N, C-alpha and C. Protein backbone atom coordinates (compact mmCIF):
# COMPACT_ATOMS: atom_id res chain seq x y z
N MET A 1 -0.68 -68.66 35.24
CA MET A 1 -0.94 -67.84 36.16
C MET A 1 -0.63 -68.18 37.79
N GLN A 2 0.26 -67.49 38.25
CA GLN A 2 0.25 -67.96 39.82
C GLN A 2 -0.59 -67.19 40.62
N GLU A 3 -1.26 -67.76 41.87
CA GLU A 3 -2.06 -66.83 42.76
C GLU A 3 -1.13 -66.33 43.58
N GLU A 4 -1.81 -64.69 44.06
CA GLU A 4 -1.35 -64.33 44.80
C GLU A 4 -1.25 -64.84 46.35
N GLY A 5 0.03 -65.14 46.63
CA GLY A 5 0.69 -65.92 47.88
C GLY A 5 0.83 -67.54 47.76
N CYS A 6 0.98 -67.51 46.64
CA CYS A 6 1.39 -68.99 46.25
C CYS A 6 2.84 -68.65 45.53
N SER A 7 3.61 -69.63 46.24
CA SER A 7 5.18 -69.60 45.03
C SER A 7 5.50 -71.13 45.06
N TYR A 8 6.09 -72.22 44.01
CA TYR A 8 6.22 -72.81 44.14
C TYR A 8 7.65 -72.68 44.48
N PRO A 9 7.54 -74.15 45.37
CA PRO A 9 9.57 -74.61 45.78
C PRO A 9 10.48 -74.73 45.17
N GLN A 10 11.28 -74.17 45.78
CA GLN A 10 13.03 -74.34 44.81
C GLN A 10 13.06 -75.76 45.11
N TYR A 11 12.35 -77.05 45.76
CA TYR A 11 12.53 -78.20 45.97
C TYR A 11 11.52 -79.07 45.80
N PRO A 12 11.36 -78.93 44.31
CA PRO A 12 10.20 -79.78 43.77
C PRO A 12 10.27 -81.62 43.92
N ASN A 13 9.02 -81.93 44.26
CA ASN A 13 8.66 -83.65 44.33
C ASN A 13 9.59 -83.41 46.15
N MET A 14 9.69 -82.85 47.17
CA MET A 14 9.27 -83.29 48.44
C MET A 14 8.28 -83.30 49.03
N THR A 15 8.19 -84.55 49.85
CA THR A 15 6.87 -85.21 49.81
C THR A 15 6.40 -84.77 51.71
N ILE A 16 5.81 -84.45 52.04
CA ILE A 16 5.47 -84.26 53.60
C ILE A 16 4.86 -84.28 54.00
N LEU A 17 4.82 -85.30 55.16
CA LEU A 17 3.45 -86.25 56.09
C LEU A 17 3.12 -85.19 57.26
N ILE A 18 1.88 -85.19 57.29
CA ILE A 18 1.48 -84.29 58.00
C ILE A 18 0.79 -85.00 59.18
N ALA A 19 0.93 -85.32 60.61
CA ALA A 19 0.41 -85.80 61.76
C ALA A 19 -0.52 -85.03 62.46
N GLU A 20 -2.34 -85.36 62.30
CA GLU A 20 -2.82 -83.46 62.65
C GLU A 20 -4.32 -84.36 62.55
N ASP A 21 -4.71 -84.53 64.39
CA ASP A 21 -5.96 -85.36 64.24
C ASP A 21 -7.19 -84.07 64.03
N ASP A 22 -6.79 -83.03 63.81
CA ASP A 22 -8.04 -82.05 63.99
C ASP A 22 -8.31 -81.69 62.53
N THR A 23 -9.29 -82.54 61.54
CA THR A 23 -9.57 -82.47 60.83
C THR A 23 -9.33 -81.16 60.01
N LEU A 24 -9.97 -80.35 60.06
CA LEU A 24 -9.91 -78.81 59.62
C LEU A 24 -8.83 -78.27 59.36
N ILE A 25 -7.87 -78.51 60.53
CA ILE A 25 -6.41 -78.41 60.07
C ILE A 25 -5.86 -79.12 58.91
N LEU A 26 -5.92 -80.32 59.02
CA LEU A 26 -5.10 -81.04 58.69
C LEU A 26 -6.05 -80.63 56.76
N ARG A 27 -7.09 -80.75 56.97
CA ARG A 27 -7.14 -80.04 55.37
C ARG A 27 -6.59 -78.90 54.30
N THR A 28 -6.58 -77.23 55.92
CA THR A 28 -6.00 -76.66 55.24
C THR A 28 -4.59 -77.01 55.33
N LEU A 29 -3.76 -77.34 55.80
CA LEU A 29 -2.52 -77.61 55.53
C LEU A 29 -2.01 -78.57 54.46
N ASP A 30 -2.95 -79.43 54.25
CA ASP A 30 -2.79 -80.28 53.08
C ASP A 30 -3.34 -79.47 51.77
N LEU A 31 -4.10 -78.79 51.16
CA LEU A 31 -4.41 -77.47 50.66
C LEU A 31 -3.82 -76.42 50.24
N TYR A 32 -3.24 -76.09 51.01
CA TYR A 32 -2.45 -74.79 51.07
C TYR A 32 -0.54 -75.12 50.51
N LEU A 33 -0.35 -76.71 51.23
CA LEU A 33 1.00 -76.96 51.21
C LEU A 33 0.60 -77.28 49.07
N LYS A 34 -0.18 -78.26 49.25
CA LYS A 34 -0.40 -78.75 47.98
C LYS A 34 -0.25 -77.74 46.71
N ARG A 35 -1.07 -76.36 47.25
CA ARG A 35 -1.10 -75.35 46.23
C ARG A 35 0.40 -74.42 46.36
N ASN A 36 1.44 -74.69 46.80
CA ASN A 36 2.79 -74.33 47.11
C ASN A 36 3.46 -75.51 46.78
N GLY A 37 3.19 -76.22 45.94
CA GLY A 37 3.92 -77.40 44.99
C GLY A 37 3.84 -78.87 46.05
N TYR A 38 4.26 -78.74 47.07
CA TYR A 38 4.59 -80.19 47.77
C TYR A 38 3.26 -81.22 47.66
N ASP A 39 4.52 -82.37 47.59
CA ASP A 39 3.46 -83.70 47.73
C ASP A 39 3.04 -84.09 49.24
N VAL A 40 1.71 -84.30 49.83
CA VAL A 40 1.50 -84.40 50.88
C VAL A 40 0.66 -85.83 51.16
N LEU A 41 1.55 -86.20 52.88
CA LEU A 41 0.73 -87.45 52.88
C LEU A 41 0.02 -86.99 54.37
N GLY A 42 -1.68 -87.22 54.67
CA GLY A 42 -2.14 -86.69 55.84
C GLY A 42 -2.38 -87.73 56.54
N CYS A 43 -2.28 -87.73 58.05
CA CYS A 43 -2.78 -88.87 58.34
C CYS A 43 -3.81 -88.38 59.91
N VAL A 44 -4.54 -88.76 60.34
CA VAL A 44 -5.25 -88.38 61.83
C VAL A 44 -5.01 -88.74 62.64
N ASP A 45 -3.72 -90.11 62.87
CA ASP A 45 -3.66 -90.59 64.31
C ASP A 45 -2.13 -91.12 63.97
N GLY A 46 -1.60 -91.19 65.01
CA GLY A 46 -0.24 -91.17 65.30
C GLY A 46 0.07 -92.88 64.15
N HIS A 47 -0.59 -93.86 64.48
CA HIS A 47 -0.60 -95.25 64.53
C HIS A 47 -0.44 -95.20 62.72
N ASP A 48 -1.58 -94.43 61.79
CA ASP A 48 -1.60 -94.50 60.26
C ASP A 48 -0.13 -93.72 60.09
N ALA A 49 0.52 -92.73 60.62
CA ALA A 49 1.87 -91.93 60.46
C ALA A 49 2.52 -92.89 60.67
N MET A 50 2.48 -93.65 61.44
CA MET A 50 3.62 -94.55 61.04
C MET A 50 4.11 -95.72 60.48
N LYS A 51 2.94 -95.73 59.78
CA LYS A 51 2.70 -96.72 59.01
C LYS A 51 2.62 -96.09 57.35
N LYS A 52 2.43 -94.78 57.21
CA LYS A 52 2.79 -93.99 56.08
C LYS A 52 4.09 -93.39 56.09
N ILE A 53 4.57 -93.62 56.95
CA ILE A 53 6.42 -92.89 56.89
C ILE A 53 7.23 -94.04 56.46
N ALA A 54 6.48 -95.43 57.62
CA ALA A 54 7.25 -96.22 56.99
C ALA A 54 7.37 -96.79 55.19
N LEU A 55 6.26 -96.93 54.71
CA LEU A 55 5.68 -96.89 53.14
C LEU A 55 6.27 -95.54 52.26
N HIS A 56 6.13 -94.16 52.93
CA HIS A 56 6.53 -93.71 51.73
C HIS A 56 7.90 -93.29 51.88
N ASN A 57 8.42 -92.61 53.52
CA ASN A 57 9.73 -92.45 53.82
C ASN A 57 9.62 -90.78 53.39
N PRO A 58 8.49 -89.94 53.90
CA PRO A 58 8.52 -88.86 53.38
C PRO A 58 10.02 -87.81 54.14
N ASP A 59 10.22 -86.68 52.94
CA ASP A 59 11.17 -85.80 53.13
C ASP A 59 10.94 -84.96 54.63
N LEU A 60 9.68 -84.85 54.86
CA LEU A 60 9.68 -83.97 56.30
C LEU A 60 8.27 -84.50 56.50
N ILE A 61 8.28 -84.18 58.13
CA ILE A 61 7.60 -84.50 59.08
C ILE A 61 6.73 -83.37 59.59
N ILE A 62 5.26 -83.30 59.81
CA ILE A 62 5.37 -82.55 60.48
C ILE A 62 3.84 -83.17 61.19
N ALA A 63 4.41 -82.76 62.52
CA ALA A 63 3.28 -83.65 64.05
C ALA A 63 2.19 -83.17 64.78
N ASN A 64 1.46 -82.97 65.02
CA ASN A 64 0.51 -82.92 66.79
C ASN A 64 1.06 -83.62 67.82
N VAL A 65 1.35 -82.73 68.64
CA VAL A 65 1.75 -83.95 69.93
C VAL A 65 0.55 -84.65 70.22
N MET A 66 -0.01 -84.41 70.47
CA MET A 66 -1.29 -85.12 71.06
C MET A 66 -2.11 -85.78 69.52
N LEU A 67 -1.88 -86.76 69.73
CA LEU A 67 -2.77 -87.74 68.47
C LEU A 67 -3.36 -89.07 68.82
N PRO A 68 -4.73 -89.53 68.55
CA PRO A 68 -5.19 -90.31 69.15
C PRO A 68 -3.94 -91.89 68.95
N TYR A 69 -4.34 -92.79 69.43
CA TYR A 69 -3.66 -93.92 69.33
C TYR A 69 -2.08 -94.21 69.13
N PHE A 70 -1.53 -92.88 69.31
CA PHE A 70 0.23 -92.97 69.36
C PHE A 70 0.55 -91.77 69.44
N SER A 71 1.00 -90.99 70.47
CA SER A 71 0.79 -89.46 70.42
C SER A 71 2.33 -89.19 69.28
N GLY A 72 1.99 -87.78 69.33
CA GLY A 72 3.25 -87.54 68.52
C GLY A 72 4.86 -87.12 69.02
N LEU A 73 4.79 -87.01 70.47
CA LEU A 73 5.46 -87.21 71.43
C LEU A 73 6.39 -88.77 70.85
N LYS A 74 5.37 -89.67 70.98
CA LYS A 74 6.08 -91.20 70.70
C LYS A 74 6.08 -91.52 69.73
N MET A 75 5.40 -91.29 68.75
CA MET A 75 6.28 -91.12 67.15
C MET A 75 7.46 -90.46 67.56
N ILE A 76 7.77 -89.29 67.75
CA ILE A 76 9.24 -89.08 68.03
C ILE A 76 10.41 -89.98 68.49
N GLY A 77 10.14 -90.28 69.33
CA GLY A 77 10.88 -90.91 70.07
C GLY A 77 11.21 -92.34 69.46
N LYS A 78 10.05 -92.94 69.10
CA LYS A 78 9.85 -94.02 68.09
C LYS A 78 10.99 -94.17 67.03
N LEU A 79 10.79 -92.68 66.09
CA LEU A 79 11.13 -92.83 64.99
C LEU A 79 12.82 -92.21 64.68
N LYS A 80 13.39 -91.70 66.01
CA LYS A 80 14.80 -91.42 66.14
C LYS A 80 15.42 -92.36 66.95
N LEU A 81 14.93 -93.16 67.83
CA LEU A 81 15.71 -94.55 68.06
C LEU A 81 15.81 -95.56 67.12
N SER A 82 14.78 -95.06 66.11
CA SER A 82 14.99 -96.46 64.87
C SER A 82 16.38 -95.90 64.02
N GLY A 83 16.85 -94.39 64.12
CA GLY A 83 17.75 -93.84 63.50
C GLY A 83 17.00 -93.37 62.11
N ASN A 84 15.68 -93.06 62.23
CA ASN A 84 14.64 -91.94 61.21
C ASN A 84 15.60 -90.59 61.42
N THR A 85 15.80 -90.65 60.34
CA THR A 85 16.88 -88.51 60.27
C THR A 85 15.46 -87.61 59.93
N THR A 86 14.66 -88.08 59.36
CA THR A 86 13.63 -87.19 58.56
C THR A 86 13.32 -85.76 59.74
N PRO A 87 13.29 -84.71 59.39
CA PRO A 87 13.44 -83.76 59.92
C PRO A 87 11.78 -83.83 60.95
N ILE A 88 11.19 -83.10 62.10
CA ILE A 88 9.57 -82.66 62.41
C ILE A 88 10.14 -82.04 62.99
N ILE A 89 8.58 -81.24 62.14
CA ILE A 89 7.97 -80.12 63.05
C ILE A 89 7.15 -80.30 64.04
N VAL A 90 7.13 -79.98 64.75
CA VAL A 90 5.68 -80.37 66.14
C VAL A 90 5.07 -79.11 65.77
N ILE A 91 3.76 -79.65 65.86
CA ILE A 91 2.72 -78.31 66.01
C ILE A 91 1.89 -78.98 67.30
N SER A 92 1.51 -78.04 68.28
CA SER A 92 0.20 -77.89 69.34
C SER A 92 0.31 -77.27 70.06
N ALA A 93 -1.41 -77.10 70.34
CA ALA A 93 -1.94 -76.18 71.47
C ALA A 93 -1.25 -75.92 72.71
N ILE A 94 -0.34 -77.26 72.95
CA ILE A 94 -0.24 -76.88 74.18
C ILE A 94 1.56 -76.04 74.79
N GLY A 95 1.48 -74.84 75.05
CA GLY A 95 2.35 -74.06 74.62
C GLY A 95 3.45 -74.25 76.47
N GLN A 96 2.65 -75.30 77.15
CA GLN A 96 3.82 -75.89 78.28
C GLN A 96 5.41 -75.83 78.05
N GLN A 97 6.16 -75.17 78.69
CA GLN A 97 7.42 -75.17 78.24
C GLN A 97 8.05 -76.74 78.29
N SER A 98 7.41 -77.70 79.31
CA SER A 98 7.78 -78.76 79.72
C SER A 98 7.86 -79.86 78.40
N VAL A 99 6.47 -79.63 77.90
CA VAL A 99 6.23 -80.40 76.35
C VAL A 99 6.91 -79.81 75.28
N VAL A 100 7.14 -78.46 75.11
CA VAL A 100 8.28 -78.10 73.83
C VAL A 100 9.55 -78.64 74.15
N GLU A 101 10.58 -78.79 75.44
CA GLU A 101 11.23 -79.37 75.99
C GLU A 101 11.58 -81.25 75.28
N GLU A 102 10.49 -81.58 76.08
CA GLU A 102 10.09 -83.30 75.55
C GLU A 102 10.56 -83.49 74.11
N ALA A 103 9.48 -82.33 73.22
CA ALA A 103 9.72 -82.59 71.92
C ALA A 103 11.03 -82.97 71.16
N MET A 104 11.72 -81.50 71.70
CA MET A 104 12.83 -81.27 71.25
C MET A 104 13.75 -81.89 72.01
N GLN A 105 13.94 -82.57 73.29
CA GLN A 105 15.03 -83.90 73.71
C GLN A 105 14.43 -85.08 73.16
N LEU A 106 13.69 -85.25 72.36
CA LEU A 106 13.46 -86.35 71.63
C LEU A 106 13.64 -86.57 70.25
N GLY A 107 14.06 -85.34 70.05
CA GLY A 107 14.49 -85.38 68.77
C GLY A 107 13.47 -84.53 67.20
N ALA A 108 12.46 -83.35 67.83
CA ALA A 108 11.65 -82.69 67.29
C ALA A 108 13.26 -81.64 66.49
N ASN A 109 13.05 -81.04 65.39
CA ASN A 109 13.89 -80.50 64.78
C ASN A 109 13.51 -78.95 64.97
N ASP A 110 11.78 -78.41 65.28
CA ASP A 110 10.74 -77.27 65.58
C ASP A 110 10.00 -77.60 66.02
N TYR A 111 9.26 -76.29 66.43
CA TYR A 111 8.38 -76.48 67.77
C TYR A 111 7.41 -75.05 67.01
N ILE A 112 5.75 -75.10 66.45
CA ILE A 112 5.10 -74.15 66.64
C ILE A 112 3.85 -74.18 67.09
N LEU A 113 3.63 -73.07 67.85
CA LEU A 113 2.03 -73.29 69.05
C LEU A 113 1.34 -73.30 67.53
N LYS A 114 -0.12 -73.68 68.16
CA LYS A 114 -1.23 -73.21 67.52
C LYS A 114 -2.05 -71.75 67.88
N PRO A 115 -2.39 -71.32 67.40
CA PRO A 115 -2.86 -71.02 66.16
C PRO A 115 -1.49 -70.49 65.49
N PHE A 116 -0.97 -71.30 64.31
CA PHE A 116 0.25 -70.15 63.44
C PHE A 116 -0.11 -69.76 62.20
N ASN A 117 0.61 -68.88 61.76
CA ASN A 117 0.57 -68.50 60.38
C ASN A 117 1.50 -69.39 59.54
N LEU A 118 0.63 -69.94 58.31
CA LEU A 118 1.05 -70.55 57.70
C LEU A 118 2.01 -70.16 56.44
N GLU A 119 2.45 -68.83 56.60
CA GLU A 119 3.30 -67.94 55.71
C GLU A 119 5.04 -68.77 56.61
N GLU A 120 4.43 -68.67 57.76
CA GLU A 120 5.38 -68.82 59.10
C GLU A 120 5.87 -70.64 58.55
N LEU A 121 4.88 -71.37 58.94
CA LEU A 121 5.02 -72.56 58.47
C LEU A 121 5.79 -72.61 57.00
N ARG A 122 5.52 -72.16 56.13
CA ARG A 122 6.17 -72.83 54.68
C ARG A 122 7.82 -72.00 54.91
N ALA A 123 7.99 -71.17 55.44
CA ALA A 123 9.52 -70.24 55.84
C ALA A 123 10.09 -71.58 57.02
N ARG A 124 9.53 -71.88 57.21
CA ARG A 124 10.25 -73.21 58.10
C ARG A 124 10.00 -74.41 57.23
N ILE A 125 9.18 -75.10 56.37
CA ILE A 125 9.50 -75.55 55.58
C ILE A 125 10.36 -75.58 54.58
N GLU A 126 10.48 -74.73 54.23
CA GLU A 126 11.88 -74.11 52.88
C GLU A 126 13.31 -74.17 53.99
N HIS A 127 13.12 -73.82 55.33
CA HIS A 127 14.82 -74.00 55.78
C HIS A 127 15.03 -75.58 55.54
N PHE A 128 14.04 -76.32 55.83
CA PHE A 128 14.13 -77.78 55.83
C PHE A 128 14.64 -77.97 54.72
N ALA A 129 13.86 -78.05 53.78
CA ALA A 129 14.39 -78.20 52.34
C ALA A 129 15.15 -78.06 52.36
N LYS A 130 15.87 -76.63 52.07
CA LYS A 130 17.49 -75.86 51.94
C LYS A 130 18.29 -77.31 52.60
N LEU A 131 18.12 -77.61 54.05
CA LEU A 131 19.19 -78.41 54.71
C LEU A 131 18.87 -79.93 53.66
N ILE A 132 18.08 -80.49 53.76
CA ILE A 132 17.69 -81.78 52.98
C ILE A 132 18.23 -82.05 51.30
N SER A 133 18.49 -80.97 50.86
CA SER A 133 19.21 -80.84 49.76
C SER A 133 20.60 -80.44 49.42
N ILE A 134 21.46 -79.90 50.61
CA ILE A 134 22.56 -79.83 50.75
C ILE A 134 23.48 -81.08 50.61
């Protein structure tokens, strides 16, 4: 029996990498996405995220702008310069227009401000899942 608020994606085996230094947010996203049928790789800093991206080639990346050792913005720039086409959703408490513009110019595909609704995030993930499967 499926729990209320949980629906399994139409796109099974989708792997999502989450780069988030706030461990409470990371654990919440990890649990929520796994309960909704996604495979999740969690990272608390940009350096670990880059290693896991190279090793596991996730289908989608969710990255905080502010990460220790290697910022989310730097990570986006490096990935896109290397030709990586993995969609990236940026999450951040920073709402300054210049940060949003920089993330998008570097190659982010979407941007969500904290705090955000988990259902909104899931809808955006499913949007990218549809694009990936086409």
